[in-house]
Amino acid sequence: MDERAVEAALNKVRPTLIADGGDVELVDIKDGVVQVRLTGACSTCPMAQLTLKMGVEKAVKADLPEVKEVVAAYKHEAAGC
């Protein structure tokens, strides 16, 4: 599994996220776990975890069955985090 394949899978859910004012960015791929960051409106949405699991993860796993899980990467905004 390479970065291009994961990006292609993410591109399938991007239009839905963008329509809601958000997006998704690939952060890392390691041992079958894809780490992404929800951005824009999706980053602060109370439904973000559901979007991640039922939207993003489902789409990625449909294209790449070798993916074990899609998890959120969090941007540390505060100093010292």
N, C-alpha and C. Protein backbone atom coordinates (compact mmCIF):
# COMPACT_ATOMS: atom_id res chain seq x y z
N MET A 1 0.85 -1.17 0.00
CA MET A 1 0.00 0.00 0.00
C MET A 1 0.89 1.23 0.00
N ASP A 2 0.64 2.09 -0.96
CA ASP A 2 1.48 3.30 -1.04
C ASP A 2 0.62 4.55 -0.89
N GLU A 3 1.30 5.65 -0.75
CA GLU A 3 0.64 6.94 -0.51
C GLU A 3 -0.32 7.30 -1.64
N ARG A 4 0.06 7.01 -2.88
CA ARG A 4 -0.81 7.36 -4.02
C ARG A 4 -2.13 6.60 -3.95
N ALA A 5 -2.08 5.34 -3.57
CA ALA A 5 -3.30 4.53 -3.48
C ALA A 5 -4.22 5.06 -2.38
N VAL A 6 -3.64 5.44 -1.25
CA VAL A 6 -4.44 5.98 -0.15
C VAL A 6 -5.03 7.33 -0.56
N GLU A 7 -4.25 8.18 -1.20
CA GLU A 7 -4.76 9.48 -1.66
C GLU A 7 -5.90 9.28 -2.65
N ALA A 8 -5.79 8.29 -3.54
CA ALA A 8 -6.86 8.02 -4.50
C ALA A 8 -8.15 7.62 -3.77
N ALA A 9 -8.02 6.82 -2.73
CA ALA A 9 -9.19 6.43 -1.94
C ALA A 9 -9.77 7.64 -1.20
N LEU A 10 -8.91 8.48 -0.64
CA LEU A 10 -9.38 9.67 0.05
C LEU A 10 -10.08 10.63 -0.91
N ASN A 11 -9.62 10.67 -2.15
CA ASN A 11 -10.23 11.56 -3.14
C ASN A 11 -11.69 11.21 -3.40
N LYS A 12 -12.08 10.00 -3.12
CA LYS A 12 -13.47 9.59 -3.32
C LYS A 12 -14.40 10.18 -2.26
N VAL A 13 -13.89 10.46 -1.08
CA VAL A 13 -14.74 11.05 -0.03
C VAL A 13 -14.57 12.56 0.07
N ARG A 14 -13.54 13.08 -0.54
CA ARG A 14 -13.28 14.52 -0.46
C ARG A 14 -14.45 15.39 -0.91
N PRO A 15 -15.13 15.08 -2.02
CA PRO A 15 -16.23 15.96 -2.44
C PRO A 15 -17.32 16.11 -1.37
N THR A 16 -17.61 15.05 -0.65
CA THR A 16 -18.61 15.13 0.41
C THR A 16 -18.12 16.00 1.55
N LEU A 17 -16.86 15.83 1.94
CA LEU A 17 -16.30 16.64 3.02
C LEU A 17 -16.22 18.11 2.62
N ILE A 18 -15.80 18.36 1.41
CA ILE A 18 -15.68 19.74 0.92
C ILE A 18 -17.04 20.41 0.86
N ALA A 19 -18.07 19.66 0.49
CA ALA A 19 -19.43 20.21 0.44
C ALA A 19 -19.89 20.69 1.81
N ASP A 20 -19.35 20.07 2.85
CA ASP A 20 -19.69 20.47 4.22
C ASP A 20 -18.68 21.45 4.82
N GLY A 21 -17.75 21.94 4.00
CA GLY A 21 -16.79 22.94 4.48
C GLY A 21 -15.53 22.36 5.08
N GLY A 22 -15.27 21.07 4.85
CA GLY A 22 -14.09 20.44 5.42
C GLY A 22 -13.24 19.76 4.37
N ASP A 23 -12.33 18.95 4.82
CA ASP A 23 -11.46 18.17 3.95
C ASP A 23 -10.72 17.15 4.81
N VAL A 24 -9.90 16.35 4.18
CA VAL A 24 -9.10 15.35 4.89
C VAL A 24 -7.70 15.38 4.29
N GLU A 25 -6.69 15.27 5.15
CA GLU A 25 -5.32 15.20 4.65
C GLU A 25 -4.64 13.97 5.23
N LEU A 26 -3.86 13.34 4.39
CA LEU A 26 -3.09 12.16 4.79
C LEU A 26 -1.89 12.61 5.61
N VAL A 27 -1.70 11.99 6.78
CA VAL A 27 -0.59 12.34 7.65
C VAL A 27 0.49 11.26 7.61
N ASP A 28 0.08 9.99 7.72
CA ASP A 28 1.06 8.91 7.79
C ASP A 28 0.39 7.58 7.47
N ILE A 29 1.20 6.63 7.05
CA ILE A 29 0.77 5.26 6.83
C ILE A 29 1.81 4.37 7.49
N LYS A 30 1.37 3.52 8.42
CA LYS A 30 2.32 2.66 9.11
C LYS A 30 1.64 1.38 9.56
N ASP A 31 2.19 0.25 9.17
CA ASP A 31 1.70 -1.06 9.59
C ASP A 31 0.21 -1.24 9.34
N GLY A 32 -0.27 -0.77 8.20
CA GLY A 32 -1.68 -0.94 7.85
C GLY A 32 -2.61 0.07 8.48
N VAL A 33 -2.07 1.01 9.22
CA VAL A 33 -2.88 2.05 9.86
C VAL A 33 -2.65 3.37 9.12
N VAL A 34 -3.73 3.95 8.65
CA VAL A 34 -3.68 5.22 7.93
C VAL A 34 -4.06 6.32 8.90
N GLN A 35 -3.19 7.30 9.02
CA GLN A 35 -3.44 8.42 9.93
C GLN A 35 -3.79 9.64 9.08
N VAL A 36 -4.96 10.22 9.38
CA VAL A 36 -5.43 11.38 8.62
C VAL A 36 -5.81 12.50 9.58
N ARG A 37 -5.92 13.69 9.02
CA ARG A 37 -6.37 14.84 9.80
C ARG A 37 -7.58 15.43 9.09
N LEU A 38 -8.69 15.55 9.78
CA LEU A 38 -9.85 16.25 9.25
C LEU A 38 -9.58 17.73 9.41
N THR A 39 -9.90 18.51 8.38
CA THR A 39 -9.61 19.94 8.40
C THR A 39 -10.88 20.74 8.13
N GLY A 40 -10.76 22.04 8.27
CA GLY A 40 -11.89 22.92 8.02
C GLY A 40 -13.01 22.65 9.01
N ALA A 41 -14.24 22.73 8.54
CA ALA A 41 -15.40 22.52 9.40
C ALA A 41 -15.40 21.12 10.02
N CYS A 42 -14.81 20.15 9.33
CA CYS A 42 -14.78 18.79 9.85
C CYS A 42 -13.90 18.66 11.10
N SER A 43 -12.96 19.54 11.26
CA SER A 43 -12.04 19.43 12.40
C SER A 43 -12.70 19.76 13.73
N THR A 44 -13.78 20.52 13.69
CA THR A 44 -14.44 20.91 14.93
C THR A 44 -15.87 20.37 15.03
N CYS A 45 -16.27 19.60 14.08
CA CYS A 45 -17.63 19.06 14.05
C CYS A 45 -17.81 18.00 15.13
N PRO A 46 -18.94 18.03 15.85
CA PRO A 46 -19.18 17.02 16.87
C PRO A 46 -19.34 15.61 16.28
N MET A 47 -19.58 15.53 14.99
CA MET A 47 -19.74 14.24 14.33
C MET A 47 -18.44 13.78 13.65
N ALA A 48 -17.33 14.41 13.95
CA ALA A 48 -16.07 14.12 13.27
C ALA A 48 -15.65 12.66 13.41
N GLN A 49 -15.81 12.07 14.57
CA GLN A 49 -15.41 10.67 14.76
C GLN A 49 -16.26 9.74 13.90
N LEU A 50 -17.54 10.03 13.81
CA LEU A 50 -18.43 9.23 12.97
C LEU A 50 -18.06 9.41 11.50
N THR A 51 -17.77 10.63 11.09
CA THR A 51 -17.32 10.89 9.72
C THR A 51 -16.04 10.12 9.42
N LEU A 52 -15.13 10.12 10.37
CA LEU A 52 -13.86 9.42 10.18
C LEU A 52 -14.08 7.93 9.99
N LYS A 53 -14.85 7.31 10.86
CA LYS A 53 -15.02 5.85 10.83
C LYS A 53 -15.99 5.38 9.75
N MET A 54 -17.15 6.01 9.66
CA MET A 54 -18.18 5.54 8.74
C MET A 54 -18.04 6.12 7.33
N GLY A 55 -17.30 7.18 7.19
CA GLY A 55 -17.10 7.78 5.88
C GLY A 55 -15.71 7.51 5.33
N VAL A 56 -14.72 8.10 5.98
CA VAL A 56 -13.35 8.02 5.48
C VAL A 56 -12.81 6.59 5.57
N GLU A 57 -12.89 5.97 6.75
CA GLU A 57 -12.34 4.62 6.90
C GLU A 57 -13.06 3.63 5.99
N LYS A 58 -14.36 3.72 5.91
CA LYS A 58 -15.13 2.80 5.07
C LYS A 58 -14.70 2.92 3.60
N ALA A 59 -14.51 4.14 3.12
CA ALA A 59 -14.11 4.35 1.73
C ALA A 59 -12.69 3.83 1.47
N VAL A 60 -11.79 4.11 2.39
CA VAL A 60 -10.40 3.67 2.22
C VAL A 60 -10.33 2.14 2.24
N LYS A 61 -11.01 1.51 3.18
CA LYS A 61 -10.98 0.04 3.27
C LYS A 61 -11.65 -0.62 2.07
N ALA A 62 -12.65 0.04 1.47
CA ALA A 62 -13.30 -0.52 0.29
C ALA A 62 -12.31 -0.65 -0.87
N ASP A 63 -11.43 0.33 -1.00
CA ASP A 63 -10.43 0.32 -2.07
C ASP A 63 -9.16 -0.43 -1.68
N LEU A 64 -8.83 -0.41 -0.39
CA LEU A 64 -7.58 -0.99 0.09
C LEU A 64 -7.86 -1.91 1.27
N PRO A 65 -8.27 -3.14 1.02
CA PRO A 65 -8.63 -4.05 2.12
C PRO A 65 -7.49 -4.34 3.08
N GLU A 66 -6.26 -4.06 2.68
CA GLU A 66 -5.13 -4.30 3.57
C GLU A 66 -5.03 -3.25 4.68
N VAL A 67 -5.80 -2.18 4.57
CA VAL A 67 -5.82 -1.16 5.62
C VAL A 67 -6.54 -1.73 6.83
N LYS A 68 -5.89 -1.69 7.98
CA LYS A 68 -6.47 -2.20 9.22
C LYS A 68 -7.40 -1.19 9.85
N GLU A 69 -6.99 0.08 9.80
CA GLU A 69 -7.74 1.12 10.49
C GLU A 69 -7.35 2.48 9.95
N VAL A 70 -8.29 3.42 10.03
CA VAL A 70 -8.01 4.82 9.74
C VAL A 70 -8.21 5.57 11.05
N VAL A 71 -7.20 6.31 11.47
CA VAL A 71 -7.26 7.01 12.75
C VAL A 71 -6.99 8.49 12.55
N ALA A 72 -7.44 9.27 13.52
CA ALA A 72 -7.26 10.71 13.47
C ALA A 72 -5.90 11.12 14.00
N ALA A 73 -5.29 12.06 13.31
CA ALA A 73 -4.08 12.72 13.79
C ALA A 73 -4.50 14.09 14.25
N TYR A 74 -4.04 14.48 15.39
CA TYR A 74 -4.45 15.77 15.93
C TYR A 74 -3.29 16.75 15.87
N LYS A 75 -3.62 17.94 15.43
CA LYS A 75 -2.65 19.02 15.35
C LYS A 75 -2.58 19.68 16.73
N HIS A 76 -1.40 19.74 17.28
CA HIS A 76 -1.23 20.37 18.59
C HIS A 76 -1.05 21.88 18.39
N GLU A 77 -2.08 22.61 18.73
CA GLU A 77 -2.08 24.07 18.52
C GLU A 77 -1.37 24.79 19.66
N ALA A 78 -1.56 24.33 20.87
CA ALA A 78 -1.02 25.04 22.03
C ALA A 78 0.47 24.79 22.18
N ALA A 79 1.17 25.78 22.65
CA ALA A 79 2.61 25.64 22.90
C ALA A 79 2.82 24.62 24.02
N GLY A 80 3.82 23.81 23.86
CA GLY A 80 4.16 22.85 24.89
C GLY A 80 3.47 21.50 24.75
N CYS A 81 2.59 21.37 23.75
CA CYS A 81 1.88 20.09 23.57
C CYS A 81 2.70 19.15 22.71
